[in-house]
Amino acid sequence: MRCTAEAVATVGLSYEGRVVVVGDLAPEPNPNLLDLCSTHVERLTPPIGWRVRDERAPEPAALP
């Protein structure tokens, strides 16, 4: 089963640092990375002993 929601972030693994890196959505698909929707990014849990580093650019502030 595949998620049908639009991908919003690209996730990669840094094995040497035991880090799951969440970044802005990559412009081109990469078989070494995983594109996830917002729901799945928020539910992401790293393996035991690993941490998540979110490197996404901040959302622009809404104008009043």
Protein backbone atom coordinates (compact mmCIF):
# COMPACT_ATOMS: atom_id res chain seq x y z
CA MET A 1 0.00 0.00 0.00
CA ARG A 2 1.30 3.47 -0.88
CA CYS A 3 0.43 6.84 0.59
CA THR A 4 -1.41 8.97 -1.94
CA ALA A 5 -0.79 12.30 -0.17
CA GLU A 6 1.57 14.81 -1.74
CA ALA A 7 5.19 14.54 -0.60
CA VAL A 8 6.50 17.58 1.30
CA ALA A 9 9.93 16.48 2.57
CA THR A 10 12.82 14.22 1.64
CA VAL A 11 14.36 11.95 4.27
CA GLY A 12 17.83 10.43 4.27
CA LEU A 13 19.97 8.46 6.70
CA SER A 14 23.42 9.38 7.97
CA TYR A 15 24.69 6.04 9.24
CA GLU A 16 27.99 7.31 10.63
CA GLY A 17 26.21 9.92 12.77
CA ARG A 18 23.11 7.81 13.48
CA VAL A 19 20.93 10.65 12.22
CA VAL A 20 17.71 10.66 10.22
CA VAL A 21 17.87 13.87 8.17
CA VAL A 22 14.62 15.55 7.09
CA GLY A 23 15.08 18.13 4.34
CA ASP A 24 13.07 20.14 1.87
CA LEU A 25 11.52 18.06 -0.89
CA ALA A 26 14.23 17.13 -3.41
CA PRO A 27 13.53 18.41 -6.93
CA GLU A 28 14.25 14.99 -8.47
CA PRO A 29 13.47 11.52 -7.08
CA ASN A 30 16.49 9.71 -5.64
CA PRO A 31 16.39 5.97 -4.93
CA ASN A 32 18.66 6.51 -1.89
CA LEU A 33 16.21 8.94 -0.25
CA LEU A 34 12.58 8.79 0.79
CA ASP A 35 9.95 11.43 0.00
CA LEU A 36 7.23 11.68 2.65
CA CYS A 37 3.93 13.53 3.13
CA SER A 38 3.45 15.84 6.12
CA THR A 39 1.56 13.18 8.12
CA HIS A 40 4.33 10.62 7.73
CA VAL A 41 7.07 13.17 8.48
CA GLU A 42 5.33 14.06 11.75
CA ARG A 43 4.96 10.36 12.66
CA LEU A 44 8.60 9.60 11.86
CA THR A 45 10.45 7.90 14.70
CA PRO A 46 14.15 7.13 14.46
CA PRO A 47 15.69 3.77 15.27
CA ILE A 48 16.81 3.30 18.88
CA GLY A 49 20.01 5.26 19.45
CA TRP A 50 19.37 7.56 16.48
CA ARG A 51 18.06 11.13 16.37
CA VAL A 52 16.10 13.18 13.84
CA ARG A 53 17.59 16.40 12.45
CA ASP A 54 15.08 18.60 10.62
CA GLU A 55 16.90 20.77 8.08
CA ARG A 56 13.84 22.08 6.25
CA ALA A 57 13.66 25.80 5.54
CA PRO A 58 11.22 27.56 7.86
CA GLU A 59 7.79 28.42 6.51
CA PRO A 60 7.43 32.10 5.61
CA ALA A 61 5.40 34.03 8.18
CA ALA A 62 1.84 34.88 7.17
CA LEU A 63 1.18 38.56 6.52
CA PRO A 64 -1.46 40.22 8.73
